[in-house]
Amino acid sequence: MLPAAHRLIDAASYRAASRTGRRSGSRTLVVHLAPGQEGDLRVGFVVSKAVGNAVIRNRVKRRLRHLVRERLTSLPDSGALVVRALPAAASVGSAELAVDLDRCLQRVREAQR
């Protein structure tokens, strides 16, 4: 579970990060990273019904939360990060999700420099 200070909870923040942030995608994920002025980095996840039924969607969300929690120290100090799972995320393991997440995060961080 992510600490409460790092959770993105309102729809407006999701929309703003998706529209104004840098985007990078892979076969299983799309990552949006929007810079912020102050405060903690907030993270949100989007896993639609296209990914699978409720059990599969929750499994994908748990895996993604765990992977992002491990990477919080390497991410910017402020801003908003939205991780959107694509349907292919349901059929891959945690290791492949980790590789795709790392690749996408690296791309959006390079694009912000």
PDB file of N, CA and C in Angstrom:
ATOM      1  N   MET A   1       0.835  -1.171   0.000  1.00  0.00           N
ATOM      2  CA  MET A   1       0.000   0.000   0.000  1.00  0.00           C
ATOM      3  C   MET A   1       0.884   1.240   0.000  1.00  0.00           C
ATOM      4  N   LEU A   2       0.472   2.219  -0.771  1.00  0.00           N
ATOM      5  CA  LEU A   2       1.194   3.485  -0.793  1.00  0.00           C
ATOM      6  C   LEU A   2       0.800   4.332   0.429  1.00  0.00           C
ATOM      7  N   PRO A   3       1.738   5.084   0.976  1.00  0.00           N
ATOM      8  CA  PRO A   3       1.389   5.993   2.065  1.00  0.00           C
ATOM      9  C   PRO A   3       0.349   7.015   1.588  1.00  0.00           C
ATOM     10  N   ALA A   4      -0.500   7.455   2.481  1.00  0.00           N
ATOM     11  CA  ALA A   4      -1.578   8.383   2.123  1.00  0.00           C
ATOM     12  C   ALA A   4      -1.042   9.659   1.476  1.00  0.00           C
ATOM     13  N   ALA A   5       0.118  10.103   1.881  1.00  0.00           N
ATOM     14  CA  ALA A   5       0.693  11.332   1.323  1.00  0.00           C
ATOM     15  C   ALA A   5       1.060  11.179  -0.147  1.00  0.00           C
ATOM     16  N   HIS A   6       1.171   9.953  -0.620  1.00  0.00           N
ATOM     17  CA  HIS A   6       1.579   9.714  -2.004  1.00  0.00           C
ATOM     18  C   HIS A   6       0.428   9.239  -2.892  1.00  0.00           C
ATOM     19  N   ARG A   7      -0.812   9.299  -2.413  1.00  0.00           N
ATOM     20  CA  ARG A   7      -1.945   8.832  -3.207  1.00  0.00           C
ATOM     21  C   ARG A   7      -2.610   9.979  -3.949  1.00  0.00           C
ATOM     22  N   LEU A   8      -2.897   9.740  -5.198  1.00  0.00           N
ATOM     23  CA  LEU A   8      -3.650  10.668  -6.033  1.00  0.00           C
ATOM     24  C   LEU A   8      -5.112  10.256  -5.904  1.00  0.00           C
ATOM     25  N   ILE A   9      -5.978  11.141  -5.413  1.00  0.00           N
ATOM     26  CA  ILE A   9      -7.327  10.684  -5.086  1.00  0.00           C
ATOM     27  C   ILE A   9      -8.450  11.391  -5.836  1.00  0.00           C
ATOM     28  N   ASP A  10      -8.232  12.569  -6.370  1.00  0.00           N
ATOM     29  CA  ASP A  10      -9.351  13.271  -7.003  1.00  0.00           C
ATOM     30  C   ASP A  10      -9.237  13.234  -8.532  1.00  0.00           C
ATOM     31  N   ALA A  11     -10.394  13.226  -9.167  1.00  0.00           N
ATOM     32  CA  ALA A  11     -10.469  13.094 -10.625  1.00  0.00           C
ATOM     33  C   ALA A  11      -9.771  14.238 -11.346  1.00  0.00           C
ATOM     34  N   ALA A  12      -9.828  15.434 -10.794  1.00  0.00           N
ATOM     35  CA  ALA A  12      -9.194  16.589 -11.441  1.00  0.00           C
ATOM     36  C   ALA A  12      -7.684  16.406 -11.523  1.00  0.00           C
ATOM     37  N   SER A  13      -7.087  15.835 -10.501  1.00  0.00           N
ATOM     38  CA  SER A  13      -5.640  15.593 -10.516  1.00  0.00           C
ATOM     39  C   SER A  13      -5.265  14.542 -11.551  1.00  0.00           C
ATOM     40  N   TYR A  14      -6.073  13.494 -11.659  1.00  0.00           N
ATOM     41  CA  TYR A  14      -5.841  12.477 -12.686  1.00  0.00           C
ATOM     42  C   TYR A  14      -5.893  13.117 -14.075  1.00  0.00           C
ATOM     43  N   ARG A  15      -6.942  13.932 -14.298  1.00  0.00           N
ATOM     44  CA  ARG A  15      -7.116  14.583 -15.590  1.00  0.00           C
ATOM     45  C   ARG A  15      -5.954  15.510 -15.903  1.00  0.00           C
ATOM     46  N   ALA A  16      -5.549  16.310 -14.930  1.00  0.00           N
ATOM     47  CA  ALA A  16      -4.457  17.258 -15.141  1.00  0.00           C
ATOM     48  C   ALA A  16      -3.150  16.534 -15.459  1.00  0.00           C
ATOM     49  N   ALA A  17      -2.851  15.478 -14.726  1.00  0.00           N
ATOM     50  CA  ALA A  17      -1.611  14.735 -14.970  1.00  0.00           C
ATOM     51  C   ALA A  17      -1.639  14.078 -16.344  1.00  0.00           C
ATOM     52  N   SER A  18      -2.781  13.553 -16.733  1.00  0.00           N
ATOM     53  CA  SER A  18      -2.887  12.880 -18.030  1.00  0.00           C
ATOM     54  C   SER A  18      -2.794  13.858 -19.186  1.00  0.00           C
ATOM     55  N   ARG A  19      -3.325  15.057 -19.000  1.00  0.00           N
ATOM     56  CA  ARG A  19      -3.343  16.033 -20.095  1.00  0.00           C
ATOM     57  C   ARG A  19      -2.075  16.866 -20.188  1.00  0.00           C
ATOM     58  N   THR A  20      -1.476  17.205 -19.049  1.00  0.00           N
ATOM     59  CA  THR A  20      -0.334  18.119 -19.081  1.00  0.00           C
ATOM     60  C   THR A  20       1.006  17.429 -18.877  1.00  0.00           C
ATOM     61  N   GLY A  21       0.995  16.208 -18.382  1.00  0.00           N
ATOM     62  CA  GLY A  21       2.247  15.528 -18.068  1.00  0.00           C
ATOM     63  C   GLY A  21       2.905  14.894 -19.278  1.00  0.00           C
ATOM     64  N   ARG A  22       4.156  14.552 -19.111  1.00  0.00           N
ATOM     65  CA  ARG A  22       4.892  13.804 -20.136  1.00  0.00           C
ATOM     66  C   ARG A  22       4.386  12.379 -20.147  1.00  0.00           C
ATOM     67  N   ARG A  23       4.311  11.780 -21.340  1.00  0.00           N
ATOM     68  CA  ARG A  23       3.751  10.447 -21.462  1.00  0.00           C
ATOM     69  C   ARG A  23       4.752   9.506 -22.104  1.00  0.00           C
ATOM     70  N   SER A  24       4.738   8.274 -21.621  1.00  0.00           N
ATOM     71  CA  SER A  24       5.540   7.209 -22.211  1.00  0.00           C
ATOM     72  C   SER A  24       4.740   5.928 -22.117  1.00  0.00           C
ATOM     73  N   GLY A  25       4.819   5.128 -23.163  1.00  0.00           N
ATOM     74  CA  GLY A  25       4.037   3.901 -23.175  1.00  0.00           C
ATOM     75  C   GLY A  25       4.854   2.689 -23.548  1.00  0.00           C
ATOM     76  N   SER A  26       4.312   1.543 -23.182  1.00  0.00           N
ATOM     77  CA  SER A  26       4.891   0.253 -23.555  1.00  0.00           C
ATOM     78  C   SER A  26       3.728  -0.662 -23.919  1.00  0.00           C
ATOM     79  N   ARG A  27       4.018  -1.923 -24.069  1.00  0.00           N
ATOM     80  CA  ARG A  27       2.980  -2.877 -24.440  1.00  0.00           C
ATOM     81  C   ARG A  27       1.959  -3.065 -23.322  1.00  0.00           C
ATOM     82  N   THR A  28       2.368  -2.884 -22.092  1.00  0.00           N
ATOM     83  CA  THR A  28       1.491  -3.160 -20.956  1.00  0.00           C
ATOM     84  C   THR A  28       1.060  -1.925 -20.170  1.00  0.00           C
ATOM     85  N   LEU A  29       1.780  -0.806 -20.309  1.00  0.00           N
ATOM     86  CA  LEU A  29       1.524   0.370 -19.471  1.00  0.00           C
ATOM     87  C   LEU A  29       1.641   1.665 -20.256  1.00  0.00           C
ATOM     88  N   VAL A  30       0.978   2.690 -19.745  1.00  0.00           N
ATOM     89  CA  VAL A  30       1.207   4.071 -20.170  1.00  0.00           C
ATOM     90  C   VAL A  30       1.419   4.869 -18.895  1.00  0.00           C
ATOM     91  N   VAL A  31       2.483   5.658 -18.852  1.00  0.00           N
ATOM     92  CA  VAL A  31       2.834   6.435 -17.666  1.00  0.00           C
ATOM     93  C   VAL A  31       2.773   7.914 -18.017  1.00  0.00           C
ATOM     94  N   HIS A  32       2.093   8.705 -17.168  1.00  0.00           N
ATOM     95  CA  HIS A  32       2.019  10.157 -17.308  1.00  0.00           C
ATOM     96  C   HIS A  32       2.670  10.755 -16.064  1.00  0.00           C
ATOM     97  N   LEU A  33       3.618  11.655 -16.262  1.00  0.00           N
ATOM     98  CA  LEU A  33       4.286  12.323 -15.140  1.00  0.00           C
ATOM     99  C   LEU A  33       4.184  13.827 -15.341  1.00  0.00           C
ATOM    100  N   ALA A  34       3.459  14.489 -14.427  1.00  0.00           N
ATOM    101  CA  ALA A  34       3.296  15.938 -14.477  1.00  0.00           C
ATOM    102  C   ALA A  34       4.086  16.555 -13.341  1.00  0.00           C
ATOM    103  N   PRO A  35       4.899  17.558 -13.638  1.00  0.00           N
ATOM    104  CA  PRO A  35       5.676  18.204 -12.574  1.00  0.00           C
ATOM    105  C   PRO A  35       4.770  19.001 -11.649  1.00  0.00           C
ATOM    106  N   GLY A  36       5.190  19.139 -10.401  1.00  0.00           N
ATOM    107  CA  GLY A  36       4.439  19.921  -9.421  1.00  0.00           C
ATOM    108  C   GLY A  36       5.324  20.970  -8.798  1.00  0.00           C
ATOM    109  N   GLN A  37       4.695  21.959  -8.185  1.00  0.00           N
ATOM    110  CA  GLN A  37       5.460  23.052  -7.577  1.00  0.00           C
ATOM    111  C   GLN A  37       5.983  22.663  -6.201  1.00  0.00           C
ATOM    112  N   GLU A  38       5.126  22.101  -5.370  1.00  0.00           N
ATOM    113  CA  GLU A  38       5.549  21.763  -4.017  1.00  0.00           C
ATOM    114  C   GLU A  38       4.716  20.601  -3.518  1.00  0.00           C
ATOM    115  N   GLY A  39       5.120  20.022  -2.431  1.00  0.00           N
ATOM    116  CA  GLY A  39       4.394  18.887  -1.866  1.00  0.00           C
ATOM    117  C   GLY A  39       5.002  17.580  -2.322  1.00  0.00           C
ATOM    118  N   ASP A  40       4.368  16.498  -1.923  1.00  0.00           N
ATOM    119  CA  ASP A  40       4.857  15.169  -2.260  1.00  0.00           C
ATOM    120  C   ASP A  40       4.424  14.748  -3.655  1.00  0.00           C
ATOM    121  N   LEU A  41       5.131  13.771  -4.186  1.00  0.00           N
ATOM    122  CA  LEU A  41       4.713  13.145  -5.426  1.00  0.00           C
ATOM    123  C   LEU A  41       3.474  12.315  -5.130  1.00  0.00           C
ATOM    124  N   ARG A  42       2.453  12.482  -5.927  1.00  0.00           N
ATOM    125  CA  ARG A  42       1.220  11.713  -5.760  1.00  0.00           C
ATOM    126  C   ARG A  42       1.083  10.757  -6.929  1.00  0.00           C
ATOM    127  N   VAL A  43       0.663   9.523  -6.630  1.00  0.00           N
ATOM    128  CA  VAL A  43       0.591   8.465  -7.629  1.00  0.00           C
ATOM    129  C   VAL A  43      -0.834   7.927  -7.699  1.00  0.00           C
ATOM    130  N   GLY A  44      -1.313   7.707  -8.933  1.00  0.00           N
ATOM    131  CA  GLY A  44      -2.629   7.118  -9.147  1.00  0.00           C
ATOM    132  C   GLY A  44      -2.552   6.052 -10.213  1.00  0.00           C
ATOM    133  N   PHE A  45      -3.508   5.142 -10.176  1.00  0.00           N
ATOM    134  CA  PHE A  45      -3.528   4.016 -11.107  1.00  0.00           C
ATOM    135  C   PHE A  45      -4.868   3.963 -11.814  1.00  0.00           C
ATOM    136  N   VAL A  46      -4.826   3.643 -13.110  1.00  0.00           N
ATOM    137  CA  VAL A  46      -6.035   3.479 -13.903  1.00  0.00           C
ATOM    138  C   VAL A  46      -5.977   2.087 -14.507  1.00  0.00           C
ATOM    139  N   VAL A  47      -6.944   1.252 -14.117  1.00  0.00           N
ATOM    140  CA  VAL A  47      -7.030  -0.108 -14.643  1.00  0.00           C
ATOM    141  C   VAL A  47      -8.482  -0.303 -15.069  1.00  0.00           C
ATOM    142  N   SER A  48      -8.743  -0.211 -16.365  1.00  0.00           N
ATOM    143  CA  SER A  48     -10.117  -0.252 -16.860  1.00  0.00           C
ATOM    144  C   SER A  48     -10.639  -1.678 -16.985  1.00  0.00           C
ATOM    145  N   LYS A  49     -11.918  -1.790 -17.285  1.00  0.00           N
ATOM    146  CA  LYS A  49     -12.544  -3.100 -17.459  1.00  0.00           C
ATOM    147  C   LYS A  49     -11.999  -3.844 -18.670  1.00  0.00           C
ATOM    148  N   ALA A  50     -11.339  -3.143 -19.565  1.00  0.00           N
ATOM    149  CA  ALA A  50     -10.728  -3.802 -20.721  1.00  0.00           C
ATOM    150  C   ALA A  50      -9.595  -4.731 -20.294  1.00  0.00           C
ATOM    151  N   VAL A  51      -9.020  -4.495 -19.122  1.00  0.00           N
ATOM    152  CA  VAL A  51      -7.923  -5.323 -18.617  1.00  0.00           C
ATOM    153  C   VAL A  51      -8.441  -6.699 -18.210  1.00  0.00           C
ATOM    154  N   GLY A  52      -9.636  -6.759 -17.651  1.00  0.00           N
ATOM    155  CA  GLY A  52     -10.199  -8.043 -17.237  1.00  0.00           C
ATOM    156  C   GLY A  52     -11.271  -7.853 -16.188  1.00  0.00           C
ATOM    157  N   ASN A  53     -11.676  -8.951 -15.584  1.00  0.00           N
ATOM    158  CA  ASN A  53     -12.703  -8.856 -14.553  1.00  0.00           C
ATOM    159  C   ASN A  53     -12.106  -8.244 -13.278  1.00  0.00           C
ATOM    160  N   ALA A  54     -12.936  -8.124 -12.232  1.00  0.00           N
ATOM    161  CA  ALA A  54     -12.507  -7.431 -11.016  1.00  0.00           C
ATOM    162  C   ALA A  54     -11.304  -8.090 -10.359  1.00  0.00           C
ATOM    163  N   VAL A  55     -11.254  -9.404 -10.368  1.00  0.00           N
ATOM    164  CA  VAL A  55     -10.133 -10.108  -9.747  1.00  0.00           C
ATOM    165  C   VAL A  55      -8.826  -9.779 -10.462  1.00  0.00           C
ATOM    166  N   ILE A  56      -8.860  -9.803 -11.774  1.00  0.00           N
ATOM    167  CA  ILE A  56      -7.650  -9.517 -12.569  1.00  0.00           C
ATOM    168  C   ILE A  56      -7.258  -8.053 -12.427  1.00  0.00           C
ATOM    169  N   ARG A  57      -8.234  -7.146 -12.477  1.00  0.00           N
ATOM    170  CA  ARG A  57      -7.926  -5.715 -12.335  1.00  0.00           C
ATOM    171  C   ARG A  57      -7.282  -5.433 -10.989  1.00  0.00           C
ATOM    172  N   ASN A  58      -7.810  -6.020  -9.931  1.00  0.00           N
ATOM    173  CA  ASN A  58      -7.234  -5.794  -8.603  1.00  0.00           C
ATOM    174  C   ASN A  58      -5.838  -6.387  -8.487  1.00  0.00           C
ATOM    175  N   ARG A  59      -5.608  -7.525  -9.109  1.00  0.00           N
ATOM    176  CA  ARG A  59      -4.270  -8.127  -9.094  1.00  0.00           C
ATOM    177  C   ARG A  59      -3.273  -7.210  -9.791  1.00  0.00           C
ATOM    178  N   VAL A  60      -3.662  -6.668 -10.944  1.00  0.00           N
ATOM    179  CA  VAL A  60      -2.782  -5.760 -11.683  1.00  0.00           C
ATOM    180  C   VAL A  60      -2.509  -4.513 -10.846  1.00  0.00           C
ATOM    181  N   LYS A  61      -3.534  -3.951 -10.198  1.00  0.00           N
ATOM    182  CA  LYS A  61      -3.341  -2.762  -9.357  1.00  0.00           C
ATOM    183  C   LYS A  61      -2.404  -3.039  -8.190  1.00  0.00           C
ATOM    184  N   ARG A  62      -2.565  -4.189  -7.543  1.00  0.00           N
ATOM    185  CA  ARG A  62      -1.677  -4.540  -6.420  1.00  0.00           C
ATOM    186  C   ARG A  62      -0.237  -4.647  -6.882  1.00  0.00           C
ATOM    187  N   ARG A  63      -0.030  -5.291  -8.023  1.00  0.00           N
ATOM    188  CA  ARG A  63       1.338  -5.412  -8.554  1.00  0.00           C
ATOM    189  C   ARG A  63       1.926  -4.045  -8.857  1.00  0.00           C
ATOM    190  N   LEU A  64       1.143  -3.193  -9.498  1.00  0.00           N
ATOM    191  CA  LEU A  64       1.643  -1.867  -9.855  1.00  0.00           C
ATOM    192  C   LEU A  64       1.928  -1.027  -8.610  1.00  0.00           C
ATOM    193  N   ARG A  65       1.042  -1.074  -7.616  1.00  0.00           N
ATOM    194  CA  ARG A  65       1.279  -0.331  -6.368  1.00  0.00           C
ATOM    195  C   ARG A  65       2.579  -0.766  -5.715  1.00  0.00           C
ATOM    196  N   HIS A  66       2.801  -2.064  -5.679  1.00  0.00           N
ATOM    197  CA  HIS A  66       4.022  -2.589  -5.073  1.00  0.00           C
ATOM    198  C   HIS A  66       5.259  -2.107  -5.836  1.00  0.00           C
ATOM    199  N   LEU A  67       5.200  -2.175  -7.171  1.00  0.00           N
ATOM    200  CA  LEU A  67       6.343  -1.768  -7.981  1.00  0.00           C
ATOM    201  C   LEU A  67       6.625  -0.271  -7.838  1.00  0.00           C
ATOM    202  N   VAL A  68       5.587   0.552  -7.817  1.00  0.00           N
ATOM    203  CA  VAL A  68       5.788   1.999  -7.693  1.00  0.00           C
ATOM    204  C   VAL A  68       6.303   2.344  -6.301  1.00  0.00           C
ATOM    205  N   ARG A  69       5.778   1.683  -5.271  1.00  0.00           N
ATOM    206  CA  ARG A  69       6.240   1.957  -3.905  1.00  0.00           C
ATOM    207  C   ARG A  69       7.749   1.736  -3.783  1.00  0.00           C
ATOM    208  N   GLU A  70       8.265   0.706  -4.445  1.00  0.00           N
ATOM    209  CA  GLU A  70       9.705   0.435  -4.401  1.00  0.00           C
ATOM    210  C   GLU A  70      10.516   1.507  -5.122  1.00  0.00           C
ATOM    211  N   ARG A  71       9.894   2.239  -6.020  1.00  0.00           N
ATOM    212  CA  ARG A  71      10.607   3.221  -6.838  1.00  0.00           C
ATOM    213  C   ARG A  71      10.358   4.668  -6.406  1.00  0.00           C
ATOM    214  N   LEU A  72       9.638   4.902  -5.333  1.00  0.00           N
ATOM    215  CA  LEU A  72       9.315   6.269  -4.898  1.00  0.00           C
ATOM    216  C   LEU A  72      10.548   7.118  -4.658  1.00  0.00           C
ATOM    217  N   THR A  73      11.601   6.534  -4.141  1.00  0.00           N
ATOM    218  CA  THR A  73      12.802   7.319  -3.843  1.00  0.00           C
ATOM    219  C   THR A  73      13.521   7.786  -5.106  1.00  0.00           C
ATOM    220  N   SER A  74      13.329   7.091  -6.215  1.00  0.00           N
ATOM    221  CA  SER A  74      14.000   7.476  -7.453  1.00  0.00           C
ATOM    222  C   SER A  74      13.160   8.414  -8.315  1.00  0.00           C
ATOM    223  N   LEU A  75      11.947   8.728  -7.871  1.00  0.00           N
ATOM    224  CA  LEU A  75      11.061   9.607  -8.626  1.00  0.00           C
ATOM    225  C   LEU A  75      11.207  11.041  -8.138  1.00  0.00           C
ATOM    226  N   PRO A  76      10.699  12.014  -8.902  1.00  0.00           N
ATOM    227  CA  PRO A  76      10.783  13.416  -8.461  1.00  0.00           C
ATOM    228  C   PRO A  76      10.088  13.622  -7.112  1.00  0.00           C
ATOM    229  N   ASP A  77      10.479  14.682  -6.407  1.00  0.00           N
ATOM    230  CA  ASP A  77       9.929  14.950  -5.075  1.00  0.00           C
ATOM    231  C   ASP A  77       8.492  15.453  -5.105  1.00  0.00           C
ATOM    232  N   SER A  78       8.091  16.082  -6.200  1.00  0.00           N
ATOM    233  CA  SER A  78       6.729  16.613  -6.273  1.00  0.00           C
ATOM    234  C   SER A  78       6.159  16.358  -7.660  1.00  0.00           C
ATOM    235  N   GLY A  79       4.839  16.445  -7.751  1.00  0.00           N
ATOM    236  CA  GLY A  79       4.168  16.240  -9.020  1.00  0.00           C
ATOM    237  C   GLY A  79       3.109  15.160  -8.918  1.00  0.00           C
ATOM    238  N   ALA A  80       2.670  14.691 -10.085  1.00  0.00           N
ATOM    239  CA  ALA A  80       1.639  13.656 -10.151  1.00  0.00           C
ATOM    240  C   ALA A  80       2.060  12.600 -11.167  1.00  0.00           C
ATOM    241  N   LEU A  81       1.928  11.363 -10.787  1.00  0.00           N
ATOM    242  CA  LEU A  81       2.253  10.229 -11.650  1.00  0.00           C
ATOM    243  C   LEU A  81       0.995   9.391 -11.804  1.00  0.00           C
ATOM    244  N   VAL A  82       0.583   9.167 -13.057  1.00  0.00           N
ATOM    245  CA  VAL A  82      -0.561   8.304 -13.342  1.00  0.00           C
ATOM    246  C   VAL A  82      -0.041   7.122 -14.146  1.00  0.00           C
ATOM    247  N   VAL A  83      -0.319   5.921 -13.652  1.00  0.00           N
ATOM    248  CA  VAL A  83       0.083   4.683 -14.329  1.00  0.00           C
ATOM    249  C   VAL A  83      -1.193   4.020 -14.830  1.00  0.00           C
ATOM    250  N   ARG A  84      -1.320   3.902 -16.159  1.00  0.00           N
ATOM    251  CA  ARG A  84      -2.499   3.288 -16.763  1.00  0.00           C
ATOM    252  C   ARG A  84      -2.124   1.920 -17.305  1.00  0.00           C
ATOM    253  N   ALA A  85      -2.838   0.901 -16.866  1.00  0.00           N
ATOM    254  CA  ALA A  85      -2.578  -0.464 -17.321  1.00  0.00           C
ATOM    255  C   ALA A  85      -3.345  -0.714 -18.613  1.00  0.00           C
ATOM    256  N   LEU A  86      -2.683  -1.322 -19.564  1.00  0.00           N
ATOM    257  CA  LEU A  86      -3.309  -1.727 -20.823  1.00  0.00           C
ATOM    258  C   LEU A  86      -3.741  -3.191 -20.704  1.00  0.00           C
ATOM    259  N   PRO A  87      -4.624  -3.656 -21.581  1.00  0.00           N
ATOM    260  CA  PRO A  87      -5.105  -5.040 -21.476  1.00  0.00           C
ATOM    261  C   PRO A  87      -4.010  -6.097 -21.421  1.00  0.00           C
ATOM    262  N   ALA A  88      -2.881  -5.857 -22.039  1.00  0.00           N
ATOM    263  CA  ALA A  88      -1.786  -6.831 -22.024  1.00  0.00           C
ATOM    264  C   ALA A  88      -1.191  -7.007 -20.623  1.00  0.00           C
ATOM    265  N   ALA A  89      -1.425  -6.063 -19.723  1.00  0.00           N
ATOM    266  CA  ALA A  89      -0.878  -6.147 -18.368  1.00  0.00           C
ATOM    267  C   ALA A  89      -1.455  -7.329 -17.596  1.00  0.00           C
ATOM    268  N   ALA A  90      -2.630  -7.778 -17.979  1.00  0.00           N
ATOM    269  CA  ALA A  90      -3.273  -8.898 -17.273  1.00  0.00           C
ATOM    270  C   ALA A  90      -2.566 -10.215 -17.528  1.00  0.00           C
ATOM    271  N   SER A  91      -1.882 -10.323 -18.637  1.00  0.00           N
ATOM    272  CA  SER A  91      -1.304 -11.614 -19.028  1.00  0.00           C
ATOM    273  C   SER A  91       0.199 -11.710 -18.799  1.00  0.00           C
ATOM    274  N   VAL A  92       0.796 -10.707 -18.168  1.00  0.00           N
ATOM    275  CA  VAL A  92       2.240 -10.758 -17.913  1.00  0.00           C
ATOM    276  C   VAL A  92       2.490 -10.843 -16.416  1.00  0.00           C
ATOM    277  N   GLY A  93       3.674 -11.263 -16.060  1.00  0.00           N
ATOM    278  CA  GLY A  93       4.054 -11.372 -14.659  1.00  0.00           C
ATOM    279  C   GLY A  93       4.581 -10.067 -14.106  1.00  0.00           C
ATOM    280  N   SER A  94       4.855 -10.081 -12.833  1.00  0.00           N
ATOM    281  CA  SER A  94       5.362  -8.884 -12.153  1.00  0.00           C
ATOM    282  C   SER A  94       6.716  -8.451 -12.693  1.00  0.00           C
ATOM    283  N   ALA A  95       7.543  -9.402 -13.086  1.00  0.00           N
ATOM    284  CA  ALA A  95       8.883  -9.064 -13.588  1.00  0.00           C
ATOM    285  C   ALA A  95       8.787  -8.256 -14.883  1.00  0.00           C
ATOM    286  N   GLU A  96       7.912  -8.661 -15.778  1.00  0.00           N
ATOM    287  CA  GLU A  96       7.773  -7.928 -17.035  1.00  0.00           C
ATOM    288  C   GLU A  96       7.115  -6.568 -16.800  1.00  0.00           C
ATOM    289  N   LEU A  97       6.155  -6.502 -15.876  1.00  0.00           N
ATOM    290  CA  LEU A  97       5.571  -5.204 -15.520  1.00  0.00           C
ATOM    291  C   LEU A  97       6.642  -4.270 -14.963  1.00  0.00           C
ATOM    292  N   ALA A  98       7.538  -4.812 -14.151  1.00  0.00           N
ATOM    293  CA  ALA A  98       8.617  -4.005 -13.575  1.00  0.00           C
ATOM    294  C   ALA A  98       9.530  -3.456 -14.655  1.00  0.00           C
ATOM    295  N   VAL A  99       9.870  -4.281 -15.629  1.00  0.00           N
ATOM    296  CA  VAL A  99      10.736  -3.835 -16.728  1.00  0.00           C
ATOM    297  C   VAL A  99      10.050  -2.727 -17.520  1.00  0.00           C
ATOM    298  N   ASP A 100       8.756  -2.921 -17.835  1.00  0.00           N
ATOM    299  CA  ASP A 100       8.025  -1.902 -18.595  1.00  0.00           C
ATOM    300  C   ASP A 100       7.877  -0.614 -17.789  1.00  0.00           C
ATOM    301  N   LEU A 101       7.602  -0.729 -16.504  1.00  0.00           N
ATOM    302  CA  LEU A 101       7.471   0.455 -15.661  1.00  0.00           C
ATOM    303  C   LEU A 101       8.785   1.219 -15.594  1.00  0.00           C
ATOM    304  N   ASP A 102       9.889   0.520 -15.386  1.00  0.00           N
ATOM    305  CA  ASP A 102      11.199   1.178 -15.333  1.00  0.00           C
ATOM    306  C   ASP A 102      11.514   1.895 -16.641  1.00  0.00           C
ATOM    307  N   ARG A 103      11.229   1.247 -17.750  1.00  0.00           N
ATOM    308  CA  ARG A 103      11.500   1.841 -19.063  1.00  0.00           C
ATOM    309  C   ARG A 103      10.657   3.097 -19.266  1.00  0.00           C
ATOM    310  N   CYS A 104       9.375   3.034 -18.927  1.00  0.00           N
ATOM    311  CA  CYS A 104       8.493   4.193 -19.092  1.00  0.00           C
ATOM    312  C   CYS A 104       8.888   5.335 -18.163  1.00  0.00           C
ATOM    313  N   LEU A 105       9.212   5.016 -16.915  1.00  0.00           N
ATOM    314  CA  LEU A 105       9.619   6.056 -15.975  1.00  0.00           C
ATOM    315  C   LEU A 105      10.912   6.730 -16.423  1.00  0.00           C
ATOM    316  N   GLN A 106      11.831   5.958 -16.936  1.00  0.00           N
ATOM    317  CA  GLN A 106      13.089   6.531 -17.411  1.00  0.00           C
ATOM    318  C   GLN A 106      12.827   7.496 -18.568  1.00  0.00           C
ATOM    319  N   ARG A 107      11.941   7.113 -19.476  1.00  0.00           N
ATOM    320  CA  ARG A 107      11.636   7.978 -20.628  1.00  0.00           C
ATOM    321  C   ARG A 107      10.994   9.293 -20.207  1.00  0.00           C
ATOM    322  N   VAL A 108      10.024   9.236 -19.290  1.00  0.00           N
ATOM    323  CA  VAL A 108       9.363  10.487 -18.902  1.00  0.00           C
ATOM    324  C   VAL A 108      10.290  11.380 -18.086  1.00  0.00           C
ATOM    325  N   ARG A 109      11.178  10.797 -17.303  1.00  0.00           N
ATOM    326  CA  ARG A 109      12.136  11.614 -16.554  1.00  0.00           C
ATOM    327  C   ARG A 109      13.128  12.262 -17.497  1.00  0.00           C
ATOM    328  N   GLU A 110      13.565  11.574 -18.538  1.00  0.00           N
ATOM    329  CA  GLU A 110      14.486  12.166 -19.519  1.00  0.00           C
ATOM    330  C   GLU A 110      13.797  13.261 -20.300  1.00  0.00           C
ATOM    331  N   ALA A 111      12.514  13.091 -20.596  1.00  0.00           N
ATOM    332  CA  ALA A 111      11.780  14.100 -21.368  1.00  0.00           C
ATOM    333  C   ALA A 111      11.581  15.387 -20.572  1.00  0.00           C
ATOM    334  N   GLN A 112      11.579  15.307 -19.251  1.00  0.00           N
ATOM    335  CA  GLN A 112      11.381  16.499 -18.421  1.00  0.00           C
ATOM    336  C   GLN A 112      12.647  17.327 -18.261  1.00  0.00           C
ATOM    337  N   ARG A 113      13.785  16.780 -18.572  1.00  0.00           N
ATOM    338  CA  ARG A 113      15.043  17.528 -18.394  1.00  0.00           C
ATOM    339  C   ARG A 113      15.239  18.573 -19.432  1.00  0.00           C
TER     340      ARG A 113
END
